[in-house]
Protein backbone atom coordinates (compact mmCIF):
# COMPACT_ATOMS: atom_id res chain seq x y z
CA VAL A 1 290.71 -69.64 86.28
CA CYS A 2 288.48 -70.76 88.99
CA PRO A 3 286.12 -73.90 88.77
CA ARG A 4 282.41 -72.91 88.57
CA GLY A 5 281.01 -72.01 91.88
CA GLN A 6 284.25 -70.26 92.99
CA ARG A 7 285.99 -66.91 92.58
CA THR A 8 289.25 -65.50 93.62
CA ASP A 9 289.69 -63.58 96.92
CA ASP A 10 291.99 -60.55 97.55
CA ASN A 11 295.02 -62.95 97.49
CA LYS A 12 294.06 -64.26 94.13
CA ILE A 13 293.14 -67.65 95.58
CA CYS A 14 290.05 -69.55 94.40
CA ARG A 15 287.38 -69.75 97.23
CA GLU A 16 284.04 -71.39 97.08
CA CYS A 17 281.04 -69.24 96.93
CA VAL A 18 279.16 -69.84 100.21
CA GLY A 19 277.16 -66.69 100.50
CA SER A 20 273.43 -66.05 99.56
CA PRO A 21 272.15 -63.45 97.08
CA ASP A 22 271.21 -60.13 98.91
CA ARG A 23 267.90 -58.37 98.37
CA TYR A 24 269.23 -56.44 95.34
CA ASP A 25 270.45 -59.61 93.75
CA TRP A 26 267.05 -61.19 94.08
CA LEU A 27 265.41 -57.99 92.61
CA TYR A 28 267.76 -58.25 89.59
CA LEU A 29 266.84 -62.00 89.04
CA GLY A 30 263.16 -61.05 89.37
CA PHE A 31 263.60 -58.32 86.69
CA MET A 32 265.28 -60.78 84.33
CA ALA A 33 262.52 -63.39 84.97
CA MET A 34 259.78 -60.74 84.38
CA LEU A 35 261.24 -59.82 80.89
CA PRO A 36 260.08 -62.87 78.97
CA LEU A 37 256.73 -62.84 80.80
CA VAL A 38 256.00 -59.22 79.91
CA LEU A 39 257.06 -59.88 76.27
CA HIS A 40 254.80 -62.94 76.23
CA TRP A 41 251.78 -60.89 77.39
CA PHE A 42 252.46 -58.04 75.03
CA PHE A 43 252.63 -60.23 71.92
CA ILE A 44 249.71 -62.39 73.15
CA GLU A 45 247.64 -59.21 73.36
CA TRP A 46 249.06 -57.81 70.14
CA TYR A 47 248.12 -60.87 68.08
CA SER A 48 244.95 -62.12 69.84
CA GLY A 49 242.64 -59.54 68.22
CA LYS A 50 239.57 -57.92 69.73
CA LYS A 51 237.23 -60.84 68.97
CA SER A 52 239.39 -63.53 70.48
CA SER A 53 238.42 -64.90 73.88
CA SER A 54 241.69 -66.99 74.15
CA ALA A 55 243.93 -64.18 75.30
CA LEU A 56 243.24 -64.50 78.94
CA LEU A 57 243.87 -68.31 78.95
CA GLN A 58 247.09 -67.70 77.04
CA HIS A 59 248.11 -64.89 79.60
CA VAL A 60 247.60 -67.48 82.43
CA THR A 61 249.58 -70.13 80.56
CA ALA A 62 252.51 -67.70 79.93
CA LEU A 63 252.44 -67.00 83.66
CA PHE A 64 252.43 -70.65 84.50
CA GLU A 65 255.27 -71.46 82.13
CA CYS A 66 257.52 -68.72 83.51
CA SER A 67 256.72 -69.53 87.15
CA ILE A 68 257.44 -73.29 86.71
CA ALA A 69 260.59 -72.39 84.90
CA ALA A 70 261.79 -70.15 87.67
CA ILE A 71 260.99 -72.78 90.34
CA VAL A 72 262.84 -75.56 88.30
CA THR A 73 265.79 -73.30 87.72
CA LEU A 74 266.16 -72.79 91.50
CA LEU A 75 265.81 -76.47 92.19
CA VAL A 76 268.62 -77.56 89.74
CA SER A 77 270.94 -74.73 90.96
CA ASP A 78 273.39 -75.44 93.72
CA PRO A 79 272.41 -76.66 96.36
CA VAL A 80 270.25 -78.98 94.15
CA GLY A 81 266.72 -79.65 95.31
CA SER A 82 266.46 -76.40 97.39
CA LEU A 83 264.96 -73.03 96.45
CA HIS A 84 267.92 -71.41 98.08
CA ILE A 85 271.08 -70.77 95.97
CA ARG A 86 274.65 -70.03 96.98
CA SER A 87 276.39 -67.12 95.38
CA CYS A 88 279.46 -64.80 95.20
CA LYS A 89 278.98 -61.12 96.07
CA VAL A 90 279.17 -58.62 93.28
CA LYS A 91 281.82 -56.10 94.05
CA LYS A 92 282.17 -54.10 90.81
CA LEU A 93 281.10 -53.98 87.18
CA SER A 94 284.30 -55.76 85.99
CA ASP A 95 283.22 -58.92 87.88
CA TRP A 96 280.69 -59.60 85.13
CA TYR A 97 283.31 -59.41 82.42
CA THR A 98 286.25 -61.42 83.46
CA MET A 99 286.93 -62.35 79.78
CA LEU A 100 288.06 -58.82 79.22
CA TYR A 101 290.80 -59.13 81.91
CA ASN A 102 292.90 -62.07 80.77
CA PRO A 103 296.48 -61.08 81.52
CA SER A 104 299.38 -61.23 79.09
CA PRO A 105 302.57 -61.58 81.31
CA ASP A 106 305.02 -61.47 78.40
CA TYR A 107 302.76 -59.35 76.15
CA ILE A 108 302.74 -62.48 73.79
CA THR A 109 300.94 -65.29 75.53
CA THR A 110 297.51 -64.62 76.98
CA VAL A 111 296.59 -66.47 80.16
CA HIS A 112 292.87 -67.32 79.98
CA CYS A 113 291.33 -67.06 83.48
CA THR A 114 287.77 -66.32 82.49
CA HIS A 115 285.32 -67.64 85.12
CA GLU A 116 281.95 -66.64 86.60
CA ALA A 117 282.94 -64.24 89.34
CA VAL A 118 279.32 -63.31 89.92
CA TYR A 119 278.26 -66.95 90.31
CA PRO A 120 275.33 -67.79 89.60
CA LEU A 121 273.80 -64.42 88.61
CA TYR A 122 275.21 -64.67 85.05
CA THR A 123 274.43 -68.26 84.03
CA ILE A 124 271.24 -68.80 86.02
CA VAL A 125 269.49 -66.45 83.66
CA PHE A 126 270.45 -68.52 80.66
CA ILE A 127 269.19 -71.68 82.38
CA TYR A 128 265.85 -69.97 83.14
CA TYR A 129 265.36 -68.80 79.58
CA ALA A 130 266.05 -72.35 78.27
CA PHE A 131 263.45 -73.78 80.55
CA CYS A 132 260.95 -71.10 79.58
CA LEU A 133 261.52 -71.86 75.90
CA VAL A 134 261.14 -75.63 76.40
CA LEU A 135 257.89 -75.35 78.55
CA MET A 136 256.42 -72.83 75.93
CA MET A 137 257.14 -75.37 73.09
CA LEU A 138 255.45 -78.09 75.10
CA LEU A 139 252.37 -76.40 76.37
CA ARG A 140 251.50 -73.37 74.22
CA PRO A 141 250.99 -74.88 70.79
CA LEU A 142 248.53 -77.44 72.10
CA LEU A 143 246.64 -74.77 74.02
CA VAL A 144 246.40 -72.41 71.16
CA LYS A 145 245.42 -75.03 68.76
CA LYS A 146 242.53 -75.93 71.05
CA ILE A 147 241.20 -72.59 72.17
CA ALA A 148 242.21 -70.04 69.59
CA CYS A 149 239.18 -70.61 67.40
CA GLY A 150 238.59 -66.88 66.95
CA LEU A 151 241.80 -66.44 64.93
CA GLY A 152 242.87 -67.60 61.51
CA LYS A 153 245.28 -70.47 61.17
CA SER A 154 248.10 -68.12 60.31
CA ASP A 155 247.51 -65.75 63.22
CA ARG A 156 246.94 -68.19 66.12
CA PHE A 157 250.63 -69.05 66.51
CA LYS A 158 252.08 -65.70 66.01
CA SER A 159 252.62 -64.97 69.70
CA ILE A 160 254.75 -68.20 69.83
CA TYR A 161 256.76 -67.17 66.70
CA ALA A 162 257.45 -63.89 68.39
CA ALA A 163 258.82 -65.63 71.46
CA LEU A 164 261.15 -67.57 69.15
CA TYR A 165 262.58 -64.27 68.12
CA PHE A 166 262.73 -62.42 71.48
CA PHE A 167 264.34 -65.31 73.51
CA PRO A 168 267.57 -65.16 71.40
CA VAL A 169 267.48 -61.36 71.83
CA LEU A 170 267.16 -61.66 75.53
CA THR A 171 269.90 -64.27 75.69
CA VAL A 172 272.36 -61.92 73.73
CA LEU A 173 271.32 -59.05 75.91
CA GLN A 174 272.17 -61.02 79.10
CA ALA A 175 275.41 -62.17 77.61
CA VAL A 176 276.66 -58.78 76.46
CA GLY A 177 274.93 -56.42 78.96
CA GLY A 178 274.29 -58.50 82.08
CA GLY A 179 276.56 -56.36 84.20
CA LEU A 180 275.13 -53.06 82.85
CA LEU A 181 271.59 -54.41 83.38
CA TYR A 182 272.49 -55.36 86.96
CA TYR A 183 273.20 -51.72 87.87
CA ALA A 184 270.71 -50.02 85.60
CA PHE A 185 267.63 -52.21 85.86
CA PRO A 186 265.75 -50.06 88.52
CA TYR A 187 265.98 -47.00 86.38
CA ILE A 188 265.00 -49.05 83.21
CA ILE A 189 261.92 -50.24 84.91
CA LEU A 190 260.91 -46.72 86.03
CA VAL A 191 261.43 -45.17 82.52
CA LEU A 192 259.70 -48.01 80.71
CA SER A 193 256.80 -48.10 82.98
CA LEU A 194 256.30 -44.42 82.68
CA VAL A 195 256.60 -44.33 78.82
CA THR A 196 254.42 -47.33 78.22
CA LEU A 197 251.74 -46.19 80.44
CA ALA A 198 251.51 -42.80 78.69
CA VAL A 199 251.54 -44.48 75.32
CA TYR A 200 248.80 -46.86 76.26
CA MET A 201 246.62 -44.13 77.81
CA SER A 202 247.14 -41.96 74.75
CA ALA A 203 246.41 -44.86 72.34
CA SER A 204 243.33 -45.82 74.33
CA GLU A 205 242.13 -42.25 74.44
CA VAL A 206 242.07 -42.11 78.23
CA GLU A 207 241.38 -38.57 79.39
CA SER A 208 239.54 -39.05 82.75
CA PHE A 209 238.92 -41.36 85.52
CA LYS A 210 235.58 -42.23 84.00
CA ASP A 211 237.41 -43.46 80.84
CA LEU A 212 239.47 -45.85 83.01
CA LEU A 213 236.40 -47.41 84.64
CA VAL A 214 234.63 -48.13 81.35
CA ARG A 215 236.77 -51.20 80.64
CA LYS A 216 238.19 -53.55 83.24
CA LYS A 217 241.16 -54.23 80.90
CA ARG A 218 242.40 -50.58 81.32
CA LEU A 219 242.36 -50.95 85.05
CA VAL A 220 244.38 -54.15 84.88
CA VAL A 221 246.95 -52.46 82.64
CA LEU A 222 247.07 -49.46 85.03
CA PHE A 223 247.66 -51.66 88.10
CA SER A 224 250.33 -53.69 86.31
CA HIS A 225 252.23 -50.53 85.50
CA TRP A 226 251.86 -49.43 89.20
CA LEU A 227 253.37 -52.74 90.38
CA LEU A 228 256.34 -52.31 87.86
CA HIS A 229 256.69 -48.79 89.16
CA ALA A 230 256.74 -49.87 92.71
CA TYR A 231 259.27 -52.64 91.82
CA GLY A 232 261.52 -50.00 90.33
CA ILE A 233 261.35 -47.73 93.36
CA ILE A 234 261.97 -50.75 95.81
CA SER A 235 264.92 -51.71 93.62
CA ILE A 236 266.48 -48.25 93.77
CA SER A 237 265.95 -47.77 97.52
CA LYS A 238 266.52 -51.54 98.44
CA LEU A 239 264.28 -50.70 101.42
CA ASP A 240 267.35 -50.39 103.61
CA LYS A 241 265.64 -47.76 105.87
CA LEU A 242 261.99 -48.70 105.97
CA GLU A 243 260.84 -45.42 107.60
CA GLN A 244 262.48 -43.47 104.87
CA ASP A 245 261.95 -45.72 101.92
CA LEU A 246 258.38 -46.92 102.28
CA PRO A 247 256.79 -43.42 101.90
CA LEU A 248 258.41 -43.30 98.34
CA LEU A 249 255.78 -46.01 97.31
CA ALA A 250 253.14 -43.23 97.67
CA LEU A 251 254.58 -41.77 94.52
CA VAL A 252 253.51 -44.83 92.48
CA PRO A 253 250.12 -43.40 91.28
CA ALA A 254 251.57 -39.91 90.72
CA PRO A 255 252.45 -40.29 86.94
CA ALA A 256 248.97 -41.65 86.19
CA LEU A 257 247.27 -38.90 88.20
CA PHE A 258 249.37 -36.26 86.43
CA TYR A 259 248.47 -37.61 83.08
CA LEU A 260 244.66 -37.69 83.78
CA VAL A 261 244.83 -34.16 85.22
CA THR A 262 246.70 -32.72 82.22
CA ALA A 263 245.38 -34.81 79.42
CA LYS A 264 242.49 -32.38 78.58
CA TYR A 265 244.90 -29.46 78.16
CA THR A 266 247.10 -31.39 75.66
CA GLU A 267 244.34 -32.77 73.47
CA PRO A 268 245.50 -32.34 69.83
CA SER A 269 242.13 -31.36 68.45
CA ARG A 270 241.82 -28.63 71.15
CA ILE A 271 245.32 -27.31 70.41
CA LEU A 272 244.52 -27.19 66.69
CA SER A 273 241.20 -25.50 67.14
CA GLU A 274 242.65 -22.88 69.45
CA GLY A 275 245.52 -22.34 66.95
CA GLY A 276 242.97 -21.86 64.13
CA ASN A 277 241.04 -19.40 66.26
CA GLY A 278 244.21 -17.44 66.89
CA HIS A 279 244.76 -17.08 63.15
């Protein structure tokens, strides 16, 4: 077993991690940092109600909490006091699960050599979630109590209660599936951004560009999905070849445009009426 901040080399000798995270590593950390923020925003919106004017301020507060948590996490990571972190390179999926590769030389005694081979990509996420939770508990209850006058006493804290549920879920997700998420997160972003955009447009009964322009909130949601979609494309391509990868970003608006063009042909009432005429 190697001390924290070290991993074995090809000769099975512990070496200190002296490299820096590459672009894909930072994109992965960005994805893990975005998860609680997106969930905060979703539950704030879900529980704020249409009459409440406090949602925007809660959104800004959630962004502030996650941003400060990310900065503090980087500052307390080695080297302490710097926004840069030193790391070991991820070579394969098994690097994330060293606990599954403890050898048994005589098939009786297990030698425990579990250590963080992907330092610090595995543990830094837990540290970030802990800071997010602490900052939320310090800031959000006071803010909600002051401004959420449009909600009932039982409803105003529901977005905070939701966070107390999803943070443990995110922690278990990272603990069990951190390595899988590392390799799959670009595709997860693309699929989720497509599905959630389609669901939102369908639920909001958006069928044309005019419907989008009626409310500013719809445009904000649309641009947020476009940013997520662009993040997914960048994560897949890694922008290694700019002249080849940058044009792929032109595909970002394509799903929304396709939905708007085809929505009128898939209107349920129209399909039912045409089916009734056919009979």
